[in-house]
Amino acid sequence: MVTAYVNQISTAVPELDVHETFVEFAPQLIDARGKMLLFKRMAERAHISHRWSAVEDPVTFYGDNPSDIDTETRMIEYEDKAPKLAQRAVDGLDLGASAGDITHLVIVTCTGFYSPGIDYDIIENCGISPNVDRTQIGFMGCFAGITGLKTANNIVRADPSAKVLLVSVELCSVHLQKPKSLESMLSFLIFGDGCAAVVISAETTGIALDSFKQVMVPDTRDLITWRIGNAGYDMVLSGKVPGQLGRALNPENLKLILAGRTPDDIDLWAIHPGGRTILDAVENALELDSDALAVSRHVLDNYGNMSSATVLFVLAEMMKRAAAGGPTGLGSAMAFGPGLTAETMLFRLE
């Protein structure tokens, strides 16, 4: 059986760091003083220092009431900014003439749509052959980064000569609204914009992809939802998610996810940093050492939650640290999204 490898990962974020500005601005959108004070306490405990936004002038774009902006206006902003960010990430791979060797292009995005889409723009601007095989994975949520890797893995295993370019681009910032609840405001607190571009092939360098498993948690359908409304995309991110994730990571599911291994057998944990409480829940459920999720916490601190791109940022940081003499070995990646669904992957980084 052919093994697929993540050969390279390049990441890009917009230039505008909006986290502190948002923390100062958000309480103005909350009417009740008690909720405002609770939001401030949660912001202090979020373990996020930076989040990046492609909306270049948020004050003008959002105005006095972010909910006044209709979905069409938000999609125009997405169509303008998302392909530019994607091109920066692809350019970071420095493919040069080898861009013409890309046989498959897989796009992952949950925060916007237009057609011809980002795949078309990448072909036009990044030297990719117009005959490339194209796939778009849309609206699956934060776990879709691993879904993209699984798709690329299947392509390479079916055709060992394939060279796949996976691009995950998310502009969460275009969907800021006046909160309908404290939970919705807290979800706006953690999301940011980012893009990861990944090359996957049978070339034996980088991260070897082993196996993929998906777990759906029963009776959790409404805990994470993502729907298109008249004023952008409406997200629900329930405070019950961390507890349910802990329940999902039970011995029976872990046996499936880890292919019969135990957490003690895993050297690297690439956990999607959906928020501090998500990482805490995984760490507690798996009884991990306090530094086991250091890379995921680093990504959360510096970028926030960038939906599907985030777990790819974690893998990129692991590759960077390994190249500098950092940890290697057998790894487990997990990302969580609507459903409640956990998409998981075993990998090896040497």
Protein backbone atom coordinates (compact mmCIF):
# COMPACT_ATOMS: atom_id res chain seq x y z
CA MET A 1 0.00 0.00 0.00
CA VAL A 2 1.34 3.42 -1.00
CA THR A 3 1.81 5.92 1.84
CA ALA A 4 0.93 9.56 1.27
CA TYR A 5 3.11 12.27 2.82
CA VAL A 6 2.57 15.89 3.70
CA ASN A 7 5.70 17.27 2.05
CA GLN A 8 5.21 20.97 2.79
CA ILE A 9 2.86 23.33 4.60
CA SER A 10 2.81 27.09 4.12
CA THR A 11 0.58 29.34 6.23
CA ALA A 12 -0.58 32.91 5.85
CA VAL A 13 -2.69 35.33 7.87
CA PRO A 14 -3.88 38.88 7.10
CA GLU A 15 -1.87 41.82 8.36
CA LEU A 16 -4.43 43.26 10.79
CA ASP A 17 -4.29 41.94 14.36
CA VAL A 18 -7.77 42.55 15.74
CA HIS A 19 -7.93 40.62 19.00
CA GLU A 20 -7.29 43.42 21.48
CA THR A 21 -9.42 45.82 19.45
CA PHE A 22 -12.28 43.33 19.51
CA VAL A 23 -11.99 42.73 23.26
CA GLU A 24 -12.31 46.49 23.80
CA PHE A 25 -15.12 46.91 21.24
CA ALA A 26 -17.29 43.86 22.00
CA PRO A 27 -18.72 44.96 25.38
CA GLN A 28 -20.46 47.84 23.55
CA LEU A 29 -22.59 45.20 21.81
CA ILE A 30 -23.75 43.65 25.09
CA ASP A 31 -26.72 45.26 26.82
CA ALA A 32 -26.68 43.55 30.22
CA ARG A 33 -23.90 44.65 32.59
CA GLY A 34 -23.57 41.18 34.14
CA LYS A 35 -23.00 39.59 30.75
CA MET A 36 -20.53 42.32 29.83
CA LEU A 37 -18.45 41.61 32.95
CA LEU A 38 -18.59 37.87 32.30
CA PHE A 39 -17.42 38.43 28.72
CA LYS A 40 -14.43 40.42 29.97
CA ARG A 41 -13.49 37.63 32.38
CA MET A 42 -13.79 35.03 29.63
CA ALA A 43 -11.64 37.15 27.33
CA GLU A 44 -8.90 37.23 29.95
CA ARG A 45 -9.06 33.43 30.25
CA ALA A 46 -9.21 32.68 26.52
CA HIS A 47 -5.41 32.29 26.20
CA ILE A 48 -5.49 34.19 22.90
CA SER A 49 -3.11 37.09 22.25
CA HIS A 50 -3.58 37.58 18.52
CA ARG A 51 -6.26 37.03 15.89
CA TRP A 52 -5.99 38.29 12.35
CA SER A 53 -8.66 39.82 10.11
CA ALA A 54 -8.86 40.34 6.35
CA VAL A 55 -11.43 43.11 6.91
CA GLU A 56 -9.03 46.01 6.49
CA ASP A 57 -11.17 48.71 8.15
CA PRO A 58 -13.48 46.92 10.61
CA VAL A 59 -14.93 50.13 12.08
CA THR A 60 -16.13 51.30 8.67
CA PHE A 61 -17.14 47.84 7.47
CA TYR A 62 -19.17 46.89 10.53
CA GLY A 63 -20.42 50.39 11.41
CA ASP A 64 -22.51 50.83 14.54
CA ASN A 65 -24.28 47.49 14.13
CA PRO A 66 -22.52 44.51 12.48
CA SER A 67 -25.90 42.82 11.99
CA ASP A 68 -26.92 45.52 9.50
CA ILE A 69 -24.54 44.02 6.89
CA ASP A 70 -26.31 41.59 4.60
CA THR A 71 -24.89 38.29 3.42
CA GLU A 72 -24.30 39.57 -0.13
CA THR A 73 -22.01 42.33 1.16
CA ARG A 74 -20.11 39.85 3.30
CA MET A 75 -19.64 37.48 0.34
CA ILE A 76 -18.32 40.35 -1.79
CA GLU A 77 -15.72 40.96 0.92
CA TYR A 78 -14.91 37.25 1.01
CA GLU A 79 -14.55 37.04 -2.77
CA ASP A 80 -12.16 40.00 -2.72
CA LYS A 81 -9.97 38.93 0.21
CA ALA A 82 -9.99 35.10 0.36
CA PRO A 83 -8.21 34.41 -2.98
CA LYS A 84 -5.52 36.94 -2.14
CA LEU A 85 -4.82 35.24 1.18
CA ALA A 86 -4.85 31.84 -0.53
CA GLN A 87 -2.34 33.03 -3.11
CA ARG A 88 -0.01 34.24 -0.34
CA ALA A 89 -0.11 30.81 1.29
CA VAL A 90 0.52 29.00 -2.01
CA ASP A 91 3.34 31.41 -2.90
CA GLY A 92 4.91 30.51 0.44
CA LEU A 93 5.43 26.97 -0.83
CA ASP A 94 7.86 28.38 -3.40
CA LEU A 95 6.78 25.80 -5.97
CA GLY A 96 8.36 27.57 -8.93
CA ALA A 97 8.30 25.47 -12.08
CA SER A 98 7.05 22.46 -10.08
CA ALA A 99 3.67 24.18 -9.75
CA GLY A 100 2.93 22.67 -13.14
CA ASP A 101 3.39 19.20 -11.61
CA ILE A 102 0.33 19.60 -9.36
CA THR A 103 -2.22 17.05 -10.55
CA HIS A 104 -5.01 17.68 -8.04
CA LEU A 105 -6.25 20.83 -6.30
CA VAL A 106 -8.41 20.46 -3.18
CA ILE A 107 -10.02 23.58 -1.71
CA VAL A 108 -11.45 23.62 1.81
CA THR A 109 -13.51 26.58 3.00
CA CYS A 110 -16.46 27.08 5.33
CA THR A 111 -16.79 30.87 5.42
CA GLY A 112 -17.68 31.84 1.86
CA PHE A 113 -18.65 30.75 -1.61
CA TYR A 114 -18.50 32.12 -5.14
CA SER A 115 -18.07 30.54 -8.55
CA PRO A 116 -15.77 30.39 -10.42
CA GLY A 117 -14.09 30.05 -7.06
CA ILE A 118 -10.78 30.09 -5.24
CA ASP A 119 -9.62 27.04 -7.19
CA TYR A 120 -10.01 29.05 -10.41
CA ASP A 121 -8.08 32.01 -8.95
CA ILE A 122 -5.22 29.79 -7.76
CA ILE A 123 -4.93 28.23 -11.21
CA GLU A 124 -4.81 31.67 -12.81
CA ASN A 125 -2.33 33.23 -10.37
CA CYS A 126 -0.09 30.43 -9.04
CA GLY A 127 1.13 28.57 -12.12
CA ILE A 128 -1.15 25.54 -11.66
CA SER A 129 -2.14 23.69 -14.84
CA PRO A 130 -5.67 24.50 -16.08
CA ASN A 131 -6.06 20.73 -16.54
CA VAL A 132 -5.68 20.05 -12.82
CA ASP A 133 -8.31 17.87 -11.17
CA ARG A 134 -10.33 20.11 -8.80
CA THR A 135 -12.33 19.32 -5.66
CA GLN A 136 -14.00 21.74 -3.22
CA ILE A 137 -14.93 20.77 0.34
CA GLY A 138 -17.34 23.32 1.75
CA PHE A 139 -19.25 24.19 4.90
CA MET A 140 -18.15 21.19 6.97
CA GLY A 141 -16.69 23.27 9.79
CA CYS A 142 -13.50 23.11 11.81
CA PHE A 143 -12.81 19.41 11.21
CA ALA A 144 -12.67 19.90 7.41
CA GLY A 145 -8.90 20.45 7.42
CA ILE A 146 -8.47 16.78 8.25
CA THR A 147 -11.19 15.91 5.72
CA GLY A 148 -9.02 17.67 3.13
CA LEU A 149 -5.98 15.62 4.15
CA LYS A 150 -8.09 12.45 3.97
CA THR A 151 -9.20 13.38 0.46
CA ALA A 152 -5.60 13.99 -0.62
CA ASN A 153 -4.53 10.73 1.02
CA ASN A 154 -7.14 8.80 -0.96
CA ILE A 155 -5.99 10.44 -4.20
CA VAL A 156 -2.33 9.56 -3.66
CA ARG A 157 -3.09 5.99 -2.61
CA ALA A 158 -5.19 5.53 -5.73
CA ASP A 159 -2.56 7.17 -7.96
CA PRO A 160 1.00 7.16 -6.55
CA SER A 161 2.12 9.63 -9.23
CA ALA A 162 -0.38 12.26 -8.01
CA LYS A 163 0.78 15.51 -6.46
CA VAL A 164 -1.99 17.22 -4.50
CA LEU A 165 -2.22 20.86 -3.50
CA LEU A 166 -4.61 21.32 -0.57
CA VAL A 167 -5.63 24.89 0.27
CA SER A 168 -7.73 25.63 3.37
CA VAL A 169 -8.78 29.28 3.56
CA GLU A 170 -11.15 30.82 6.09
CA LEU A 171 -12.33 34.41 6.65
CA CYS A 172 -14.31 34.07 9.85
CA SER A 173 -14.12 37.83 10.44
CA VAL A 174 -16.61 38.68 7.68
CA HIS A 175 -19.38 37.08 9.75
CA LEU A 176 -19.21 39.22 12.89
CA GLN A 177 -22.72 40.12 14.07
CA LYS A 178 -24.38 41.70 17.06
CA PRO A 179 -24.61 38.78 19.47
CA LYS A 180 -27.92 37.05 20.04
CA SER A 181 -26.56 35.55 23.28
CA LEU A 182 -23.46 35.51 25.43
CA GLU A 183 -22.48 32.19 23.83
CA SER A 184 -22.51 33.77 20.37
CA MET A 185 -20.37 36.66 21.58
CA LEU A 186 -17.88 34.23 23.10
CA SER A 187 -17.68 32.41 19.76
CA PHE A 188 -16.77 35.72 18.07
CA LEU A 189 -14.03 36.09 20.69
CA ILE A 190 -12.05 33.08 19.44
CA PHE A 191 -12.36 33.08 15.63
CA GLY A 192 -9.87 34.62 13.20
CA ASP A 193 -8.77 34.41 9.57
CA GLY A 194 -6.04 32.25 8.06
CA CYS A 195 -4.97 30.01 5.21
CA ALA A 196 -2.81 26.91 4.94
CA ALA A 197 -1.45 25.47 1.68
CA VAL A 198 -0.25 21.86 1.75
CA VAL A 199 1.52 19.63 -0.76
CA ILE A 200 0.76 15.91 -0.44
CA SER A 201 2.37 13.18 -2.54
CA ALA A 202 4.01 9.77 -2.33
CA GLU A 203 7.43 11.42 -1.99
CA THR A 204 8.84 10.12 1.31
CA THR A 205 9.53 13.43 3.06
CA GLY A 206 7.54 15.17 5.77
CA ILE A 207 4.56 13.73 7.61
CA ALA A 208 3.48 10.19 6.73
CA LEU A 209 -0.32 9.84 6.77
CA ASP A 210 -1.46 6.62 8.38
CA SER A 211 -5.19 6.23 9.06
CA PHE A 212 -8.34 8.33 9.40
CA LYS A 213 -11.38 7.80 11.58
CA GLN A 214 -14.48 9.92 12.12
CA VAL A 215 -16.53 9.83 15.32
CA MET A 216 -19.99 11.38 15.66
CA VAL A 217 -21.16 12.02 19.22
CA PRO A 218 -24.79 10.92 19.72
CA ASP A 219 -27.43 13.50 20.69
CA THR A 220 -25.19 16.53 20.07
CA ARG A 221 -26.56 17.75 16.74
CA ASP A 222 -27.41 21.23 18.03
CA LEU A 223 -24.23 21.95 20.01
CA ILE A 224 -22.30 23.29 17.01
CA THR A 225 -24.31 24.61 14.07
CA TRP A 226 -23.46 26.84 11.11
CA ARG A 227 -26.27 28.26 8.99
CA ILE A 228 -26.56 30.93 6.31
CA GLY A 229 -28.68 33.85 7.48
CA ASN A 230 -29.67 37.19 6.00
CA ALA A 231 -26.84 38.92 7.86
CA GLY A 232 -24.01 36.46 7.26
CA TYR A 233 -23.50 33.01 8.69
CA ASP A 234 -25.07 32.27 12.06
CA MET A 235 -22.98 30.10 14.35
CA VAL A 236 -23.95 28.31 17.53
CA LEU A 237 -21.08 27.09 19.69
CA SER A 238 -22.51 25.69 22.90
CA GLY A 239 -20.66 25.77 26.20
CA LYS A 240 -21.54 22.07 26.50
CA VAL A 241 -19.09 21.11 23.72
CA PRO A 242 -16.00 20.51 25.91
CA GLY A 243 -17.89 18.16 28.22
CA GLN A 244 -19.33 16.21 25.30
CA LEU A 245 -15.90 15.89 23.71
CA GLY A 246 -14.61 14.42 26.93
CA ARG A 247 -17.44 11.90 26.77
CA ALA A 248 -16.62 11.09 23.14
CA LEU A 249 -12.98 10.32 23.92
CA ASN A 250 -13.92 7.19 25.83
CA PRO A 251 -11.90 3.94 25.74
CA GLU A 252 -14.05 2.42 23.00
CA ASN A 253 -13.71 5.39 20.65
CA LEU A 254 -10.02 5.84 21.49
CA LYS A 255 -9.36 2.23 20.51
CA LEU A 256 -10.86 3.05 17.12
CA ILE A 257 -9.14 6.43 16.73
CA LEU A 258 -5.70 5.19 17.82
CA ALA A 259 -5.94 1.86 15.95
CA GLY A 260 -5.65 -0.20 19.12
CA ARG A 261 -2.96 1.94 20.71
CA THR A 262 -3.20 3.87 23.97
CA PRO A 263 -2.47 7.58 24.54
CA ASP A 264 0.87 6.53 26.05
CA ASP A 265 1.92 5.25 22.61
CA ILE A 266 1.44 8.69 21.00
CA ASP A 267 4.40 11.07 20.82
CA LEU A 268 2.68 14.06 19.18
CA TRP A 269 -0.81 15.48 19.65
CA ALA A 270 -2.08 17.78 16.88
CA ILE A 271 -5.38 18.84 18.45
CA HIS A 272 -7.53 21.49 16.80
CA PRO A 273 -7.45 24.47 19.18
CA GLY A 274 -11.14 25.29 19.03
CA GLY A 275 -10.69 27.21 22.27
CA ARG A 276 -8.90 26.85 25.60
CA THR A 277 -11.70 24.78 27.11
CA ILE A 278 -11.61 22.40 24.14
CA LEU A 279 -7.89 21.77 24.65
CA ASP A 280 -8.39 21.41 28.41
CA ALA A 281 -11.16 18.85 27.82
CA VAL A 282 -8.99 16.75 25.50
CA GLU A 283 -6.00 16.97 27.83
CA ASN A 284 -8.11 15.85 30.79
CA ALA A 285 -9.95 13.08 28.92
CA LEU A 286 -6.70 11.57 27.65
CA GLU A 287 -4.81 12.22 30.92
CA LEU A 288 -1.99 13.93 29.03
CA ASP A 289 1.02 15.73 30.46
CA SER A 290 0.62 19.50 30.77
CA ASP A 291 2.96 20.15 27.83
CA ALA A 292 1.45 17.56 25.46
CA LEU A 293 -0.72 20.15 23.72
CA ALA A 294 1.89 22.91 23.71
CA VAL A 295 1.84 23.29 19.92
CA SER A 296 -1.95 23.53 19.80
CA ARG A 297 -1.91 26.11 22.59
CA HIS A 298 0.78 28.07 20.72
CA VAL A 299 -1.43 28.22 17.62
CA LEU A 300 -4.46 29.26 19.69
CA ASP A 301 -2.47 32.03 21.36
CA ASN A 302 -1.07 33.44 18.12
CA TYR A 303 -3.97 32.94 15.70
CA GLY A 304 -7.16 31.93 17.52
CA ASN A 305 -9.50 29.44 15.86
CA MET A 306 -9.34 29.71 12.05
CA SER A 307 -11.90 26.96 11.46
CA SER A 308 -10.67 24.28 9.02
CA ALA A 309 -7.19 25.79 8.57
CA THR A 310 -6.29 25.65 12.26
CA VAL A 311 -5.21 22.01 12.59
CA LEU A 312 -3.02 22.50 9.50
CA PHE A 313 -1.31 25.39 11.30
CA VAL A 314 -0.65 22.97 14.17
CA LEU A 315 0.92 20.41 11.82
CA ALA A 316 2.99 23.17 10.18
CA GLU A 317 4.36 24.23 13.57
CA MET A 318 5.21 20.61 14.39
CA MET A 319 7.13 20.27 11.13
CA LYS A 320 8.95 23.53 11.85
CA ARG A 321 9.95 22.39 15.34
CA ALA A 322 11.01 18.94 14.12
CA ALA A 323 13.27 20.55 11.50
CA ALA A 324 14.93 22.49 14.33
CA GLY A 325 15.54 19.31 16.33
CA GLY A 326 12.21 19.17 18.11
CA PRO A 327 9.97 16.18 18.86
CA THR A 328 9.14 13.57 16.24
CA GLY A 329 7.39 10.19 16.21
CA LEU A 330 3.87 8.83 16.06
CA GLY A 331 1.14 11.45 16.15
CA SER A 332 -2.60 11.78 16.53
CA ALA A 333 -4.52 14.69 15.02
CA MET A 334 -8.09 15.57 15.99
CA ALA A 335 -10.42 18.34 14.86
CA PHE A 336 -13.99 18.98 15.95
CA GLY A 337 -17.00 20.53 14.29
CA PRO A 338 -20.74 20.48 13.64
CA GLY A 339 -22.52 17.30 14.47
CA LEU A 340 -20.81 17.07 17.06
CA THR A 341 -18.15 15.38 14.90
CA ALA A 342 -14.52 14.50 15.56
CA GLU A 343 -12.35 13.90 12.48
CA THR A 344 -9.13 12.17 13.47
CA MET A 345 -5.89 11.06 11.86
CA LEU A 346 -2.81 9.04 12.80
CA PHE A 347 0.48 10.24 11.33
CA ARG A 348 4.22 9.87 11.69
CA LEU A 349 6.72 12.73 11.68
CA GLU A 350 10.39 11.81 11.38
